[in-house]
Amino acid sequence: MCSRSLNDCKIEPISFVEYRQKEQILSRILQSLLCSLRICLFHILWIRFLDLKSFHSAINMLTSISSDYLRTSGLITIHNSFSRNLQHL
């Protein structure tokens, strides 16, 4: 807890166990996000590049899904966006 004077400022150390737990949680979250993003990108590229004339459309879909993903960081939004874009094929 810090008082108004910098000389009186005390920083409470975090235990190594707490640090490791938080590090592991963050690591799992990042791994999950990267994995879901890779799966999503693979499906987009696989479906859209089977039809070579739709290269531009694939790039647009990728941009749309990426922005949805970054905006909400949720798989439901990616799935909904992906499904919505597939309906336009």
PDB file of N, CA and C in Angstrom:
ATOM      1  N   MET A   1       0.858  -1.179   0.000  1.00  0.00           N
ATOM      2  CA  MET A   1       0.000   0.000   0.000  1.00  0.00           C
ATOM      3  C   MET A   1       0.896   1.231   0.000  1.00  0.00           C
ATOM      4  N   CYS A   2       0.512   2.255  -0.732  1.00  0.00           N
ATOM      5  CA  CYS A   2       1.338   3.454  -0.854  1.00  0.00           C
ATOM      6  C   CYS A   2       0.682   4.641  -0.165  1.00  0.00           C
ATOM      7  N   SER A   3       1.522   5.401   0.524  1.00  0.00           N
ATOM      8  CA  SER A   3       1.047   6.657   1.097  1.00  0.00           C
ATOM      9  C   SER A   3       1.407   7.774   0.129  1.00  0.00           C
ATOM     10  N   ARG A   4       1.163   8.991   0.532  1.00  0.00           N
ATOM     11  CA  ARG A   4       1.420  10.118  -0.365  1.00  0.00           C
ATOM     12  C   ARG A   4       2.920  10.371  -0.565  1.00  0.00           C
ATOM     13  N   SER A   5       3.725   9.985   0.360  1.00  0.00           N
ATOM     14  CA  SER A   5       5.168  10.197   0.248  1.00  0.00           C
ATOM     15  C   SER A   5       5.819   8.991  -0.432  1.00  0.00           C
ATOM     16  N   LEU A   6       6.703   9.252  -1.365  1.00  0.00           N
ATOM     17  CA  LEU A   6       7.384   8.161  -2.056  1.00  0.00           C
ATOM     18  C   LEU A   6       8.295   7.379  -1.114  1.00  0.00           C
ATOM     19  N   ASN A   7       8.809   8.037  -0.109  1.00  0.00           N
ATOM     20  CA  ASN A   7       9.694   7.362   0.843  1.00  0.00           C
ATOM     21  C   ASN A   7       8.949   6.327   1.674  1.00  0.00           C
ATOM     22  N   ASP A   8       7.656   6.530   1.866  1.00  0.00           N
ATOM     23  CA  ASP A   8       6.857   5.612   2.679  1.00  0.00           C
ATOM     24  C   ASP A   8       6.186   4.510   1.853  1.00  0.00           C
ATOM     25  N   CYS A   9       6.462   4.488   0.571  1.00  0.00           N
ATOM     26  CA  CYS A   9       5.802   3.528  -0.311  1.00  0.00           C
ATOM     27  C   CYS A   9       6.338   2.122  -0.061  1.00  0.00           C
ATOM     28  N   LYS A  10       5.426   1.208   0.200  1.00  0.00           N
ATOM     29  CA  LYS A  10       5.800  -0.183   0.433  1.00  0.00           C
ATOM     30  C   LYS A  10       5.215  -1.040  -0.673  1.00  0.00           C
ATOM     31  N   ILE A  11       6.022  -1.859  -1.261  1.00  0.00           N
ATOM     32  CA  ILE A  11       5.566  -2.786  -2.292  1.00  0.00           C
ATOM     33  C   ILE A  11       5.508  -4.164  -1.668  1.00  0.00           C
ATOM     34  N   GLU A  12       4.330  -4.733  -1.707  1.00  0.00           N
ATOM     35  CA  GLU A  12       4.177  -6.060  -1.139  1.00  0.00           C
ATOM     36  C   GLU A  12       4.610  -7.095  -2.176  1.00  0.00           C
ATOM     37  N   PRO A  13       5.581  -7.908  -1.830  1.00  0.00           N
ATOM     38  CA  PRO A  13       6.061  -8.893  -2.803  1.00  0.00           C
ATOM     39  C   PRO A  13       5.040 -10.002  -3.032  1.00  0.00           C
ATOM     40  N   ILE A  14       5.031 -10.484  -4.251  1.00  0.00           N
ATOM     41  CA  ILE A  14       4.150 -11.595  -4.580  1.00  0.00           C
ATOM     42  C   ILE A  14       4.952 -12.879  -4.396  1.00  0.00           C
ATOM     43  N   SER A  15       4.305 -13.893  -3.881  1.00  0.00           N
ATOM     44  CA  SER A  15       5.030 -15.137  -3.659  1.00  0.00           C
ATOM     45  C   SER A  15       5.302 -15.823  -4.992  1.00  0.00           C
ATOM     46  N   PHE A  16       6.311 -16.662  -4.995  1.00  0.00           N
ATOM     47  CA  PHE A  16       6.685 -17.377  -6.211  1.00  0.00           C
ATOM     48  C   PHE A  16       5.545 -18.283  -6.676  1.00  0.00           C
ATOM     49  N   VAL A  17       4.850 -18.894  -5.750  1.00  0.00           N
ATOM     50  CA  VAL A  17       3.731 -19.781  -6.098  1.00  0.00           C
ATOM     51  C   VAL A  17       2.625 -18.991  -6.781  1.00  0.00           C
ATOM     52  N   GLU A  18       2.286 -17.818  -6.236  1.00  0.00           N
ATOM     53  CA  GLU A  18       1.259 -16.977  -6.855  1.00  0.00           C
ATOM     54  C   GLU A  18       1.690 -16.547  -8.253  1.00  0.00           C
ATOM     55  N   TYR A  19       2.948 -16.181  -8.370  1.00  0.00           N
ATOM     56  CA  TYR A  19       3.484 -15.760  -9.658  1.00  0.00           C
ATOM     57  C   TYR A  19       3.368 -16.880 -10.678  1.00  0.00           C
ATOM     58  N   ARG A  20       3.765 -18.092 -10.305  1.00  0.00           N
ATOM     59  CA  ARG A  20       3.709 -19.239 -11.208  1.00  0.00           C
ATOM     60  C   ARG A  20       2.272 -19.567 -11.601  1.00  0.00           C
ATOM     61  N   GLN A  21       1.346 -19.465 -10.653  1.00  0.00           N
ATOM     62  CA  GLN A  21      -0.059 -19.741 -10.960  1.00  0.00           C
ATOM     63  C   GLN A  21      -0.600 -18.743 -11.977  1.00  0.00           C
ATOM     64  N   LYS A  22      -0.310 -17.476 -11.766  1.00  0.00           N
ATOM     65  CA  LYS A  22      -0.777 -16.450 -12.695  1.00  0.00           C
ATOM     66  C   LYS A  22      -0.118 -16.610 -14.052  1.00  0.00           C
ATOM     67  N   GLU A  23       1.147 -16.945 -14.054  1.00  0.00           N
ATOM     68  CA  GLU A  23       1.865 -17.159 -15.308  1.00  0.00           C
ATOM     69  C   GLU A  23       1.264 -18.334 -16.084  1.00  0.00           C
ATOM     70  N   GLN A  24       0.933 -19.410 -15.384  1.00  0.00           N
ATOM     71  CA  GLN A  24       0.341 -20.580 -16.032  1.00  0.00           C
ATOM     72  C   GLN A  24      -1.046 -20.276 -16.585  1.00  0.00           C
ATOM     73  N   ILE A  25      -1.826 -19.519 -15.854  1.00  0.00           N
ATOM     74  CA  ILE A  25      -3.165 -19.150 -16.319  1.00  0.00           C
ATOM     75  C   ILE A  25      -3.060 -18.308 -17.588  1.00  0.00           C
ATOM     76  N   LEU A  26      -2.202 -17.298 -17.560  1.00  0.00           N
ATOM     77  CA  LEU A  26      -2.021 -16.457 -18.742  1.00  0.00           C
ATOM     78  C   LEU A  26      -1.489 -17.255 -19.923  1.00  0.00           C
ATOM     79  N   SER A  27      -0.592 -18.164 -19.650  1.00  0.00           N
ATOM     80  CA  SER A  27      -0.043 -19.001 -20.702  1.00  0.00           C
ATOM     81  C   SER A  27      -1.126 -19.860 -21.347  1.00  0.00           C
ATOM     82  N   ARG A  28      -1.995 -20.451 -20.532  1.00  0.00           N
ATOM     83  CA  ARG A  28      -3.098 -21.271 -21.064  1.00  0.00           C
ATOM     84  C   ARG A  28      -4.062 -20.436 -21.894  1.00  0.00           C
ATOM     85  N   ILE A  29      -4.350 -19.229 -21.427  1.00  0.00           N
ATOM     86  CA  ILE A  29      -5.256 -18.348 -22.177  1.00  0.00           C
ATOM     87  C   ILE A  29      -4.653 -18.012 -23.534  1.00  0.00           C
ATOM     88  N   LEU A  30      -3.381 -17.639 -23.543  1.00  0.00           N
ATOM     89  CA  LEU A  30      -2.729 -17.302 -24.807  1.00  0.00           C
ATOM     90  C   LEU A  30      -2.657 -18.497 -25.746  1.00  0.00           C
ATOM     91  N   GLN A  31      -2.336 -19.671 -25.218  1.00  0.00           N
ATOM     92  CA  GLN A  31      -2.288 -20.872 -26.045  1.00  0.00           C
ATOM     93  C   GLN A  31      -3.654 -21.172 -26.640  1.00  0.00           C
ATOM     94  N   SER A  32      -4.693 -21.020 -25.857  1.00  0.00           N
ATOM     95  CA  SER A  32      -6.050 -21.273 -26.331  1.00  0.00           C
ATOM     96  C   SER A  32      -6.435 -20.295 -27.440  1.00  0.00           C
ATOM     97  N   LEU A  33      -6.115 -19.033 -27.242  1.00  0.00           N
ATOM     98  CA  LEU A  33      -6.439 -18.028 -28.252  1.00  0.00           C
ATOM     99  C   LEU A  33      -5.682 -18.288 -29.548  1.00  0.00           C
ATOM    100  N   LEU A  34      -4.401 -18.606 -29.436  1.00  0.00           N
ATOM    101  CA  LEU A  34      -3.611 -18.883 -30.635  1.00  0.00           C
ATOM    102  C   LEU A  34      -4.099 -20.130 -31.357  1.00  0.00           C
ATOM    103  N   CYS A  35      -4.437 -21.144 -30.604  1.00  0.00           N
ATOM    104  CA  CYS A  35      -4.936 -22.384 -31.196  1.00  0.00           C
ATOM    105  C   CYS A  35      -6.250 -22.136 -31.930  1.00  0.00           C
ATOM    106  N   SER A  36      -7.170 -21.432 -31.302  1.00  0.00           N
ATOM    107  CA  SER A  36      -8.459 -21.175 -31.944  1.00  0.00           C
ATOM    108  C   SER A  36      -8.288 -20.292 -33.174  1.00  0.00           C
ATOM    109  N   LEU A  37      -7.362 -19.347 -33.116  1.00  0.00           N
ATOM    110  CA  LEU A  37      -7.112 -18.498 -34.270  1.00  0.00           C
ATOM    111  C   LEU A  37      -6.523 -19.309 -35.412  1.00  0.00           C
ATOM    112  N   ARG A  38      -5.589 -20.226 -35.108  1.00  0.00           N
ATOM    113  CA  ARG A  38      -5.006 -21.082 -36.147  1.00  0.00           C
ATOM    114  C   ARG A  38      -6.067 -21.960 -36.792  1.00  0.00           C
ATOM    115  N   ILE A  39      -6.946 -22.532 -35.979  1.00  0.00           N
ATOM    116  CA  ILE A  39      -8.014 -23.387 -36.515  1.00  0.00           C
ATOM    117  C   ILE A  39      -8.933 -22.571 -37.417  1.00  0.00           C
ATOM    118  N   CYS A  40      -9.279 -21.393 -36.960  1.00  0.00           N
ATOM    119  CA  CYS A  40     -10.156 -20.517 -37.732  1.00  0.00           C
ATOM    120  C   CYS A  40      -9.506 -20.155 -39.066  1.00  0.00           C
ATOM    121  N   LEU A  41      -8.248 -19.767 -39.046  1.00  0.00           N
ATOM    122  CA  LEU A  41      -7.538 -19.401 -40.275  1.00  0.00           C
ATOM    123  C   LEU A  41      -7.427 -20.584 -41.226  1.00  0.00           C
ATOM    124  N   PHE A  42      -7.157 -21.760 -40.691  1.00  0.00           N
ATOM    125  CA  PHE A  42      -7.055 -22.941 -41.529  1.00  0.00           C
ATOM    126  C   PHE A  42      -8.375 -23.212 -42.247  1.00  0.00           C
ATOM    127  N   HIS A  43      -9.489 -23.128 -41.520  1.00  0.00           N
ATOM    128  CA  HIS A  43     -10.791 -23.374 -42.145  1.00  0.00           C
ATOM    129  C   HIS A  43     -11.098 -22.343 -43.220  1.00  0.00           C
ATOM    130  N   ILE A  44     -10.778 -21.098 -42.964  1.00  0.00           N
ATOM    131  CA  ILE A  44     -11.017 -20.058 -43.967  1.00  0.00           C
ATOM    132  C   ILE A  44     -10.215 -20.353 -45.222  1.00  0.00           C
ATOM    133  N   LEU A  45      -8.940 -20.585 -45.044  1.00  0.00           N
ATOM    134  CA  LEU A  45      -8.084 -20.804 -46.205  1.00  0.00           C
ATOM    135  C   LEU A  45      -8.451 -22.075 -46.945  1.00  0.00           C
ATOM    136  N   TRP A  46      -8.759 -23.121 -46.226  1.00  0.00           N
ATOM    137  CA  TRP A  46      -9.105 -24.392 -46.853  1.00  0.00           C
ATOM    138  C   TRP A  46     -10.380 -24.262 -47.684  1.00  0.00           C
ATOM    139  N   ILE A  47     -11.411 -23.676 -47.114  1.00  0.00           N
ATOM    140  CA  ILE A  47     -12.695 -23.565 -47.810  1.00  0.00           C
ATOM    141  C   ILE A  47     -12.609 -22.589 -48.970  1.00  0.00           C
ATOM    142  N   ARG A  48     -12.009 -21.438 -48.729  1.00  0.00           N
ATOM    143  CA  ARG A  48     -12.028 -20.390 -49.746  1.00  0.00           C
ATOM    144  C   ARG A  48     -11.018 -20.617 -50.861  1.00  0.00           C
ATOM    145  N   PHE A  49      -9.888 -21.203 -50.583  1.00  0.00           N
ATOM    146  CA  PHE A  49      -8.887 -21.379 -51.625  1.00  0.00           C
ATOM    147  C   PHE A  49      -9.139 -22.606 -52.480  1.00  0.00           C
ATOM    148  N   LEU A  50     -10.125 -23.409 -52.110  1.00  0.00           N
ATOM    149  CA  LEU A  50     -10.532 -24.484 -53.005  1.00  0.00           C
ATOM    150  C   LEU A  50     -11.119 -23.893 -54.276  1.00  0.00           C
ATOM    151  N   ASP A  51     -11.695 -22.738 -54.140  1.00  0.00           N
ATOM    152  CA  ASP A  51     -12.245 -22.006 -55.280  1.00  0.00           C
ATOM    153  C   ASP A  51     -11.295 -20.837 -55.553  1.00  0.00           C
ATOM    154  N   LEU A  52     -10.378 -20.987 -56.502  1.00  0.00           N
ATOM    155  CA  LEU A  52      -9.316 -20.004 -56.718  1.00  0.00           C
ATOM    156  C   LEU A  52      -9.821 -18.637 -57.165  1.00  0.00           C
ATOM    157  N   LYS A  53     -10.984 -18.592 -57.771  1.00  0.00           N
ATOM    158  CA  LYS A  53     -11.486 -17.285 -58.222  1.00  0.00           C
ATOM    159  C   LYS A  53     -11.956 -16.407 -57.065  1.00  0.00           C
ATOM    160  N   SER A  54     -12.047 -16.966 -55.867  1.00  0.00           N
ATOM    161  CA  SER A  54     -12.550 -16.183 -54.740  1.00  0.00           C
ATOM    162  C   SER A  54     -11.434 -15.755 -53.789  1.00  0.00           C
ATOM    163  N   PHE A  55     -10.231 -15.536 -54.301  1.00  0.00           N
ATOM    164  CA  PHE A  55      -9.102 -15.116 -53.472  1.00  0.00           C
ATOM    165  C   PHE A  55      -9.411 -13.811 -52.743  1.00  0.00           C
ATOM    166  N   HIS A  56      -9.938 -12.845 -53.475  1.00  0.00           N
ATOM    167  CA  HIS A  56     -10.254 -11.551 -52.873  1.00  0.00           C
ATOM    168  C   HIS A  56     -11.309 -11.708 -51.781  1.00  0.00           C
ATOM    169  N   SER A  57     -12.280 -12.534 -52.025  1.00  0.00           N
ATOM    170  CA  SER A  57     -13.327 -12.786 -51.034  1.00  0.00           C
ATOM    171  C   SER A  57     -12.751 -13.446 -49.779  1.00  0.00           C
ATOM    172  N   ALA A  58     -11.784 -14.346 -49.956  1.00  0.00           N
ATOM    173  CA  ALA A  58     -11.147 -14.998 -48.805  1.00  0.00           C
ATOM    174  C   ALA A  58     -10.415 -13.981 -47.942  1.00  0.00           C
ATOM    175  N   ILE A  59      -9.732 -13.048 -48.564  1.00  0.00           N
ATOM    176  CA  ILE A  59      -9.016 -12.011 -47.812  1.00  0.00           C
ATOM    177  C   ILE A  59     -10.020 -11.148 -47.038  1.00  0.00           C
ATOM    178  N   ASN A  60     -11.129 -10.797 -47.676  1.00  0.00           N
ATOM    179  CA  ASN A  60     -12.160 -10.001 -46.992  1.00  0.00           C
ATOM    180  C   ASN A  60     -12.740 -10.756 -45.801  1.00  0.00           C
ATOM    181  N   MET A  61     -12.990 -12.042 -45.973  1.00  0.00           N
ATOM    182  CA  MET A  61     -13.540 -12.842 -44.887  1.00  0.00           C
ATOM    183  C   MET A  61     -12.536 -12.938 -43.749  1.00  0.00           C
ATOM    184  N   LEU A  62     -11.275 -13.151 -44.078  1.00  0.00           N
ATOM    185  CA  LEU A  62     -10.225 -13.240 -43.071  1.00  0.00           C
ATOM    186  C   LEU A  62     -10.149 -11.947 -42.263  1.00  0.00           C
ATOM    187  N   THR A  63     -10.213 -10.828 -42.932  1.00  0.00           N
ATOM    188  CA  THR A  63     -10.179  -9.528 -42.248  1.00  0.00           C
ATOM    189  C   THR A  63     -11.389  -9.358 -41.339  1.00  0.00           C
ATOM    190  N   SER A  64     -12.550  -9.737 -41.828  1.00  0.00           N
ATOM    191  CA  SER A  64     -13.775  -9.615 -41.041  1.00  0.00           C
ATOM    192  C   SER A  64     -13.720 -10.463 -39.785  1.00  0.00           C
ATOM    193  N   ILE A  65     -13.312 -11.707 -39.929  1.00  0.00           N
ATOM    194  CA  ILE A  65     -13.265 -12.604 -38.783  1.00  0.00           C
ATOM    195  C   ILE A  65     -12.179 -12.166 -37.807  1.00  0.00           C
ATOM    196  N   SER A  66     -11.038 -11.731 -38.329  1.00  0.00           N
ATOM    197  CA  SER A  66      -9.966 -11.271 -37.446  1.00  0.00           C
ATOM    198  C   SER A  66     -10.407 -10.072 -36.628  1.00  0.00           C
ATOM    199  N   SER A  67     -11.117  -9.146 -37.249  1.00  0.00           N
ATOM    200  CA  SER A  67     -11.564  -7.974 -36.499  1.00  0.00           C
ATOM    201  C   SER A  67     -12.607  -8.362 -35.455  1.00  0.00           C
ATOM    202  N   ASP A  68     -13.509  -9.295 -35.808  1.00  0.00           N
ATOM    203  CA  ASP A  68     -14.478  -9.782 -34.819  1.00  0.00           C
ATOM    204  C   ASP A  68     -13.762 -10.457 -33.664  1.00  0.00           C
ATOM    205  N   TYR A  69     -12.750 -11.238 -33.987  1.00  0.00           N
ATOM    206  CA  TYR A  69     -12.007 -11.965 -32.953  1.00  0.00           C
ATOM    207  C   TYR A  69     -11.306 -11.006 -32.008  1.00  0.00           C
ATOM    208  N   LEU A  70     -10.655  -9.999 -32.586  1.00  0.00           N
ATOM    209  CA  LEU A  70      -9.931  -9.047 -31.751  1.00  0.00           C
ATOM    210  C   LEU A  70     -10.887  -8.176 -30.934  1.00  0.00           C
ATOM    211  N   ARG A  71     -12.046  -7.897 -31.499  1.00  0.00           N
ATOM    212  CA  ARG A  71     -12.988  -7.033 -30.791  1.00  0.00           C
ATOM    213  C   ARG A  71     -13.592  -7.739 -29.584  1.00  0.00           C
ATOM    214  N   THR A  72     -13.890  -9.008 -29.689  1.00  0.00           N
ATOM    215  CA  THR A  72     -14.578  -9.687 -28.603  1.00  0.00           C
ATOM    216  C   THR A  72     -13.739 -10.739 -27.901  1.00  0.00           C
ATOM    217  N   SER A  73     -12.686 -11.211 -28.562  1.00  0.00           N
ATOM    218  CA  SER A  73     -11.842 -12.284 -28.025  1.00  0.00           C
ATOM    219  C   SER A  73     -12.673 -13.485 -27.588  1.00  0.00           C
ATOM    220  N   GLY A  74     -13.682 -13.800 -28.367  1.00  0.00           N
ATOM    221  CA  GLY A  74     -14.529 -14.944 -28.035  1.00  0.00           C
ATOM    222  C   GLY A  74     -14.754 -15.840 -29.227  1.00  0.00           C
ATOM    223  N   LEU A  75     -14.826 -17.132 -28.973  1.00  0.00           N
ATOM    224  CA  LEU A  75     -15.006 -18.090 -30.054  1.00  0.00           C
ATOM    225  C   LEU A  75     -16.413 -18.048 -30.634  1.00  0.00           C
ATOM    226  N   ILE A  76     -17.390 -17.645 -29.847  1.00  0.00           N
ATOM    227  CA  ILE A  76     -18.766 -17.605 -30.341  1.00  0.00           C
ATOM    228  C   ILE A  76     -18.882 -16.581 -31.460  1.00  0.00           C
ATOM    229  N   THR A  77     -18.250 -15.443 -31.288  1.00  0.00           N
ATOM    230  CA  THR A  77     -18.297 -14.412 -32.320  1.00  0.00           C
ATOM    231  C   THR A  77     -17.604 -14.890 -33.585  1.00  0.00           C
ATOM    232  N   ILE A  78     -16.484 -15.581 -33.424  1.00  0.00           N
ATOM    233  CA  ILE A  78     -15.788 -16.110 -34.598  1.00  0.00           C
ATOM    234  C   ILE A  78     -16.683 -17.110 -35.319  1.00  0.00           C
ATOM    235  N   HIS A  79     -17.288 -17.991 -34.550  1.00  0.00           N
ATOM    236  CA  HIS A  79     -18.149 -18.999 -35.151  1.00  0.00           C
ATOM    237  C   HIS A  79     -19.321 -18.356 -35.870  1.00  0.00           C
ATOM    238  N   ASN A  80     -19.948 -17.375 -35.249  1.00  0.00           N
ATOM    239  CA  ASN A  80     -21.082 -16.698 -35.872  1.00  0.00           C
ATOM    240  C   ASN A  80     -20.656 -15.959 -37.132  1.00  0.00           C
ATOM    241  N   SER A  81     -19.534 -15.275 -37.065  1.00  0.00           N
ATOM    242  CA  SER A  81     -19.032 -14.547 -38.222  1.00  0.00           C
ATOM    243  C   SER A  81     -18.663 -15.513 -39.339  1.00  0.00           C
ATOM    244  N   PHE A  82     -18.028 -16.598 -38.964  1.00  0.00           N
ATOM    245  CA  PHE A  82     -17.632 -17.613 -39.929  1.00  0.00           C
ATOM    246  C   PHE A  82     -18.867 -18.201 -40.604  1.00  0.00           C
ATOM    247  N   SER A  83     -19.883 -18.532 -39.824  1.00  0.00           N
ATOM    248  CA  SER A  83     -21.121 -19.087 -40.365  1.00  0.00           C
ATOM    249  C   SER A  83     -21.833 -18.079 -41.263  1.00  0.00           C
ATOM    250  N   ARG A  84     -21.843 -16.831 -40.831  1.00  0.00           N
ATOM    251  CA  ARG A  84     -22.485 -15.771 -41.610  1.00  0.00           C
ATOM    252  C   ARG A  84     -21.787 -15.612 -42.953  1.00  0.00           C
ATOM    253  N   ASN A  85     -20.457 -15.642 -42.959  1.00  0.00           N
ATOM    254  CA  ASN A  85     -19.707 -15.486 -44.200  1.00  0.00           C
ATOM    255  C   ASN A  85     -19.853 -16.708 -45.098  1.00  0.00           C
ATOM    256  N   LEU A  86     -19.990 -17.871 -44.517  1.00  0.00           N
ATOM    257  CA  LEU A  86     -20.180 -19.070 -45.329  1.00  0.00           C
ATOM    258  C   LEU A  86     -21.520 -19.046 -46.049  1.00  0.00           C
ATOM    259  N   GLN A  87     -22.502 -18.408 -45.471  1.00  0.00           N
ATOM    260  CA  GLN A  87     -23.813 -18.323 -46.109  1.00  0.00           C
ATOM    261  C   GLN A  87     -23.775 -17.480 -47.376  1.00  0.00           C
ATOM    262  N   HIS A  88     -22.768 -16.603 -47.482  1.00  0.00           N
ATOM    263  CA  HIS A  88     -22.655 -15.737 -48.652  1.00  0.00           C
ATOM    264  C   HIS A  88     -21.916 -16.400 -49.800  1.00  0.00           C
ATOM    265  N   LEU A  89     -21.445 -17.619 -49.617  1.00  0.00           N
ATOM    266  CA  LEU A  89     -20.709 -18.316 -50.681  1.00  0.00           C
ATOM    267  C   LEU A  89     -21.590 -18.638 -51.864  1.00  0.00           C
TER     268      LEU A  89
END
